[in-house]
Protein backbone atom coordinates (compact mmCIF):
# COMPACT_ATOMS: atom_id res chain seq x y z
CA MET A 1 204.55 89.24 65.79
CA ALA A 2 202.58 86.59 64.05
CA ILE A 3 199.10 86.36 62.38
CA LEU A 4 197.22 83.13 61.92
CA SER A 5 195.36 83.45 58.57
CA ILE A 6 192.60 80.90 58.11
CA GLN A 7 191.01 81.18 54.59
CA SER A 8 190.98 79.92 51.04
CA GLN A 9 194.08 79.10 49.04
CA VAL A 10 194.46 79.05 45.23
CA ALA A 11 197.44 77.83 43.21
CA TYR A 12 196.86 80.38 40.53
CA GLY A 13 195.93 84.02 41.15
CA HIS A 14 195.45 85.91 44.31
CA VAL A 15 192.43 85.41 46.55
CA GLY A 16 192.13 84.32 50.10
CA ASN A 17 195.57 83.53 51.63
CA ALA A 18 197.11 83.98 48.20
CA ALA A 19 195.99 87.68 48.46
CA ALA A 20 196.65 88.18 52.13
CA VAL A 21 199.84 86.40 53.12
CA PHE A 22 202.43 88.16 50.94
CA PRO A 23 201.05 91.71 51.74
CA LEU A 24 201.30 90.84 55.46
CA GLN A 25 204.83 89.54 55.08
CA ARG A 26 205.73 92.53 52.96
CA LEU A 27 204.85 94.80 55.93
CA GLY A 28 206.93 92.66 58.26
CA TYR A 29 204.59 90.10 59.78
CA GLU A 30 205.11 86.38 60.29
CA VAL A 31 202.05 84.57 58.92
CA TRP A 32 200.82 81.18 59.71
CA PRO A 33 198.57 80.38 56.76
CA VAL A 34 195.97 77.63 57.09
CA ALA A 35 193.84 76.67 54.05
CA THR A 36 190.09 76.08 54.20
CA VAL A 37 189.85 75.13 50.58
CA GLN A 38 192.59 74.29 48.01
CA PHE A 39 191.48 75.34 44.54
CA SER A 40 193.46 75.60 41.30
CA ASN A 41 192.06 79.10 40.77
CA HIS A 42 189.22 81.35 41.77
CA PRO A 43 185.74 79.92 40.95
CA GLY A 44 185.03 83.22 39.14
CA TYR A 45 186.76 81.80 36.12
CA GLY A 46 183.85 79.31 35.64
CA ASP A 47 185.72 76.19 36.31
CA TRP A 48 188.33 75.03 38.75
CA ARG A 49 189.90 71.98 40.37
CA GLY A 50 190.55 71.12 43.94
CA ARG A 51 188.31 70.70 47.05
CA VAL A 52 186.91 72.13 50.18
CA LEU A 53 189.11 70.80 52.97
CA PRO A 54 187.30 68.96 55.74
CA ALA A 55 187.06 70.84 59.02
CA SER A 56 188.90 67.89 60.70
CA GLU A 57 191.92 68.55 58.40
CA VAL A 58 191.95 72.26 59.09
CA ALA A 59 191.70 71.53 62.80
CA ASP A 60 194.63 69.01 62.58
CA VAL A 61 196.91 71.55 60.96
CA ILE A 62 196.06 74.17 63.59
CA GLU A 63 196.57 71.58 66.32
CA GLY A 64 200.05 71.10 64.89
CA ILE A 65 200.82 74.75 65.20
CA SER A 66 199.47 74.74 68.78
CA GLU A 67 201.82 71.86 69.72
CA ARG A 68 204.77 74.24 68.78
CA GLY A 69 203.79 76.25 71.83
CA VAL A 70 203.79 79.42 69.81
CA TYR A 71 200.21 80.77 70.53
CA PRO A 72 201.53 83.46 72.86
CA GLN A 73 203.41 85.03 69.82
CA CYS A 74 200.15 85.20 67.90
CA ARG A 75 198.79 88.91 67.56
CA ALA A 76 195.78 88.20 65.51
CA ILE A 77 193.55 85.44 64.11
CA LEU A 78 192.13 86.34 60.63
CA SER A 79 189.40 84.42 59.13
CA GLY A 80 187.96 84.62 55.60
CA TYR A 81 186.27 82.11 53.32
CA LEU A 82 185.40 79.09 55.47
CA GLY A 83 184.34 76.50 52.81
CA CYS A 84 182.05 74.79 55.37
CA LEU A 85 180.23 75.55 58.58
CA GLU A 86 182.26 73.14 60.64
CA THR A 87 185.36 75.11 59.87
CA GLY A 88 183.76 78.12 61.35
CA ARG A 89 183.48 76.31 64.62
CA VAL A 90 187.13 75.45 64.37
CA VAL A 91 187.96 79.09 63.84
CA LEU A 92 186.11 80.24 66.95
CA GLY A 93 187.56 77.54 69.15
CA THR A 94 191.06 78.43 67.89
CA ALA A 95 190.49 82.21 68.47
CA ALA A 96 189.45 81.36 72.10
CA GLU A 97 192.55 79.21 72.63
CA ILE A 98 194.83 81.93 71.29
CA LYS A 99 193.24 84.61 73.31
CA ALA A 100 193.72 82.55 76.40
CA ALA A 101 197.46 82.30 75.55
CA ASN A 102 197.66 85.96 74.58
CA PRO A 103 194.80 88.20 75.86
CA ASP A 104 195.99 91.04 73.57
CA ALA A 105 195.30 88.94 70.41
CA LEU A 106 192.58 90.12 68.10
CA TYR A 107 190.03 88.05 66.20
CA VAL A 108 189.48 89.66 62.81
CA CYS A 109 186.45 88.29 60.90
CA ASP A 110 185.92 88.90 57.20
CA PRO A 111 182.52 87.15 56.77
CA VAL A 112 182.92 86.13 53.19
CA MET A 113 179.42 85.41 51.89
CA GLY A 114 178.86 87.15 48.61
CA ASP A 115 178.82 90.50 46.84
CA ARG A 116 176.30 92.71 45.00
CA GLU A 117 177.26 91.34 41.49
CA GLU A 118 177.00 87.61 42.21
CA GLY A 119 174.68 87.51 45.40
CA PHE A 120 175.34 85.12 48.07
CA TYR A 121 177.71 82.14 47.19
CA VAL A 122 177.51 80.35 50.64
CA GLY A 123 174.64 78.48 52.22
CA ASP A 124 172.19 79.60 54.77
CA GLU A 125 173.96 77.83 57.63
CA GLN A 126 177.15 79.66 57.03
CA MET A 127 175.26 83.02 56.66
CA ALA A 128 173.47 82.41 60.09
CA PHE A 129 176.84 81.30 61.66
CA PHE A 130 178.51 84.56 60.60
CA LYS A 131 175.53 86.66 61.82
CA SER A 132 174.94 84.97 65.13
CA GLU A 133 178.32 83.55 66.22
CA ALA A 134 181.41 84.70 64.29
CA VAL A 135 180.63 88.46 63.96
CA PRO A 136 179.62 88.94 67.67
CA SER A 137 182.87 87.14 68.65
CA ALA A 138 185.12 89.33 66.64
CA ASP A 139 187.16 92.28 67.68
CA MET A 140 187.24 93.53 64.13
CA VAL A 141 184.68 92.95 61.34
CA ILE A 142 185.42 93.81 57.80
CA ALA A 143 182.75 93.21 55.18
CA ASN A 144 181.58 94.71 51.83
CA ALA A 145 178.35 96.67 51.82
CA PHE A 146 176.31 93.74 50.53
CA GLU A 147 177.39 91.49 53.32
CA MET A 148 176.94 94.33 55.87
CA GLU A 149 173.34 94.79 54.81
CA PHE A 150 172.68 91.11 55.65
CA LEU A 151 174.52 91.35 59.01
CA SER A 152 172.81 94.68 60.09
CA GLY A 153 169.43 94.25 58.38
CA LEU A 154 169.75 97.74 57.00
CA ALA A 155 170.05 98.89 53.39
CA ILE A 156 173.29 100.67 52.60
CA GLY A 157 173.11 103.36 49.88
CA SER A 158 175.39 106.02 51.35
CA SER A 159 178.26 106.49 53.69
CA ALA A 160 175.93 107.66 56.37
CA ALA A 161 173.91 104.43 56.02
CA ALA A 162 177.15 102.40 56.14
CA VAL A 163 177.93 104.13 59.50
CA GLY A 164 174.44 103.22 60.80
CA ALA A 165 174.89 99.64 59.71
CA ALA A 166 178.32 99.42 61.40
CA ASP A 167 176.89 100.80 64.55
CA VAL A 168 174.30 97.94 64.67
CA VAL A 169 177.00 95.27 64.03
CA GLY A 170 179.45 96.94 66.34
CA ARG A 171 177.13 96.89 69.30
CA ASP A 172 177.30 93.08 69.32
CA ALA A 173 180.93 93.25 70.46
CA ALA A 174 183.22 94.42 67.71
CA ARG A 175 185.54 97.23 68.54
CA MET A 176 186.01 98.07 64.90
CA VAL A 177 183.74 97.73 61.93
CA VAL A 178 184.66 98.44 58.34
CA VAL A 179 182.39 98.53 55.29
CA THR A 180 183.89 98.43 51.81
CA SER A 181 182.32 99.01 48.39
CA VAL A 182 180.09 101.79 49.79
CA THR A 183 177.97 104.00 47.43
CA VAL A 184 178.92 107.70 47.57
CA ASP A 185 177.48 110.88 46.12
CA ASP A 186 179.89 110.65 43.09
CA ALA A 187 178.82 107.76 40.78
CA ASP A 188 182.38 107.49 39.47
CA ALA A 189 183.68 106.92 43.01
CA VAL A 190 183.53 104.27 45.77
CA GLY A 191 183.84 104.61 49.49
CA THR A 192 185.18 102.67 52.41
CA VAL A 193 184.00 103.42 55.87
CA ALA A 194 185.54 102.54 59.24
CA VAL A 195 183.62 102.92 62.56
CA ALA A 196 185.12 102.67 66.01
CA GLY A 197 182.86 103.68 68.91
CA THR A 198 181.69 107.20 68.31
CA ASN A 199 184.21 107.88 65.61
CA ALA A 200 183.81 107.16 61.82
CA TRP A 201 185.99 107.82 58.85
CA LEU A 202 185.50 107.65 55.07
CA VAL A 203 188.01 107.20 52.32
CA THR A 204 186.87 107.78 48.76
CA THR A 205 188.61 106.70 45.66
CA PRO A 206 187.88 106.78 41.89
CA ARG A 207 185.92 103.70 40.69
CA ILE A 208 188.04 101.49 38.48
CA PRO A 209 185.75 99.55 35.92
CA VAL A 210 186.99 96.03 36.85
CA SER A 211 185.93 93.29 39.21
CA ALA A 212 189.16 92.66 41.14
CA LYS A 213 188.79 89.31 42.89
CA GLY A 214 190.82 89.15 46.04
CA ALA A 215 190.83 92.92 46.56
CA GLY A 216 188.75 92.52 49.78
CA ASP A 217 191.08 89.85 51.13
CA THR A 218 194.11 92.01 50.53
CA PHE A 219 192.34 95.10 52.06
CA THR A 220 191.46 93.12 55.17
CA ALA A 221 195.07 91.99 55.63
CA LEU A 222 196.47 95.45 55.06
CA PHE A 223 193.99 97.17 57.33
CA LEU A 224 194.79 94.76 60.10
CA ALA A 225 198.50 95.08 59.57
CA ARG A 226 198.28 98.94 59.69
CA CYS A 227 196.11 98.75 62.82
CA LEU A 228 198.69 96.51 64.49
CA GLN A 229 201.34 99.03 63.66
CA ARG A 230 199.33 101.27 65.94
CA SER A 231 198.28 103.62 63.16
CA GLU A 232 195.24 105.71 64.02
CA PRO A 233 192.15 104.17 62.46
CA GLY A 234 191.73 106.92 59.92
CA ASP A 235 195.42 106.64 58.91
CA ALA A 236 195.14 102.82 58.70
CA LEU A 237 192.12 103.10 56.54
CA ALA A 238 193.77 105.65 54.23
CA LEU A 239 196.81 103.49 53.86
CA ALA A 240 195.02 100.23 53.18
CA VAL A 241 192.51 101.66 50.81
CA SER A 242 195.20 103.50 48.92
CA SER A 243 197.31 100.41 48.60
CA VAL A 244 194.53 98.31 47.22
CA PHE A 245 193.59 101.16 44.85
CA GLY A 246 197.14 101.16 43.57
CA LEU A 247 197.14 97.33 43.13
CA ILE A 248 193.69 97.36 41.21
CA ARG A 249 194.97 100.24 39.02
CA ALA A 250 198.22 98.32 38.24
CA GLY A 251 196.15 95.27 37.34
CA PHE A 252 193.78 97.21 35.16
CA ASP A 253 196.58 99.07 33.43
CA GLY A 254 198.34 95.75 32.81
CA GLY A 255 195.30 94.07 31.37
CA THR A 256 195.19 91.29 34.04
CA ARG A 257 192.11 90.11 36.00
CA GLU A 258 194.33 89.12 38.94
CA LEU A 259 195.58 91.52 41.62
CA PRO A 260 199.30 92.00 41.01
CA VAL A 261 200.37 91.82 44.58
CA VAL A 262 203.85 90.66 43.67
CA ALA A 263 204.49 92.77 40.53
CA ALA A 264 203.05 95.97 42.17
CA GLN A 265 204.23 95.19 45.64
CA ARG A 266 205.53 98.76 46.07
CA GLU A 267 201.91 99.80 46.45
CA ILE A 268 201.63 97.66 49.54
CA VAL A 269 204.51 99.36 51.38
CA SER A 270 204.04 102.95 50.02
CA PRO A 271 201.01 103.61 47.82
CA ALA A 272 201.85 105.97 44.95
CA ARG A 273 198.66 107.92 45.62
CA LEU A 274 197.48 108.43 49.14
CA PHE A 275 193.74 109.07 49.63
CA PRO A 276 192.98 110.88 52.89
CA ALA A 277 190.46 109.73 55.42
CA GLU A 278 187.72 112.16 56.08
CA LYS A 279 186.36 112.12 59.67
CA ILE A 280 182.55 111.86 59.26
CA ARG A 281 181.62 111.49 62.93
């Protein structure tokens, strides 16, 4: 079972494919990683080297995969940071081709646009593309609360509000919508909400005082992996959230600003602390 993962790549650190590929492999999946940008490190460091890859280059790499005749083996297409609008068009075209070869394949969209701390860090064209094209085409949408507010047009200040926003986005076609970084009643905690049809689940964890770049990319990969293992949505949510919490905690305790996906890989397979999913609808 293979997953085509189209997102950013860094040489140092763990964001984009560098945060998603190893966790997927650790859970037993073949991964076909395709880079949309090639940077030395995450831009959050303030400076970096490398470039956004032209959409034509991304398309050429994907075409080479297609020529191997392996699309029927692909179980999911995962897209994250695009780098440019044209690459988004490549992603949607590729998803359509893979679905034609394997009707059971899922398109999972992580509409990477920004966060509450930094605001939006992509242009208006990409934001419009995610809202009007990519998200409505997806089988699964996983976004942080800041991004989900833009996609839904609703403010998200509670888990109930997150469910309402997910309902708005989910009606556009998505079978599953997940909202991360959700405000909950306890100021020292943070929630993650998953909505599928008339059902909704919430997992709450203690808030760790660190900005863990790449945590969302790892979460998306792990949630997809657990869903493909046919875990119930609530169980998949609990496992994915608990794994990411364990990784963030390990990084915090170790004094590193990078997610220790290799050093703390035990958390990927079997999180030390399992936070249960509460059914909230």
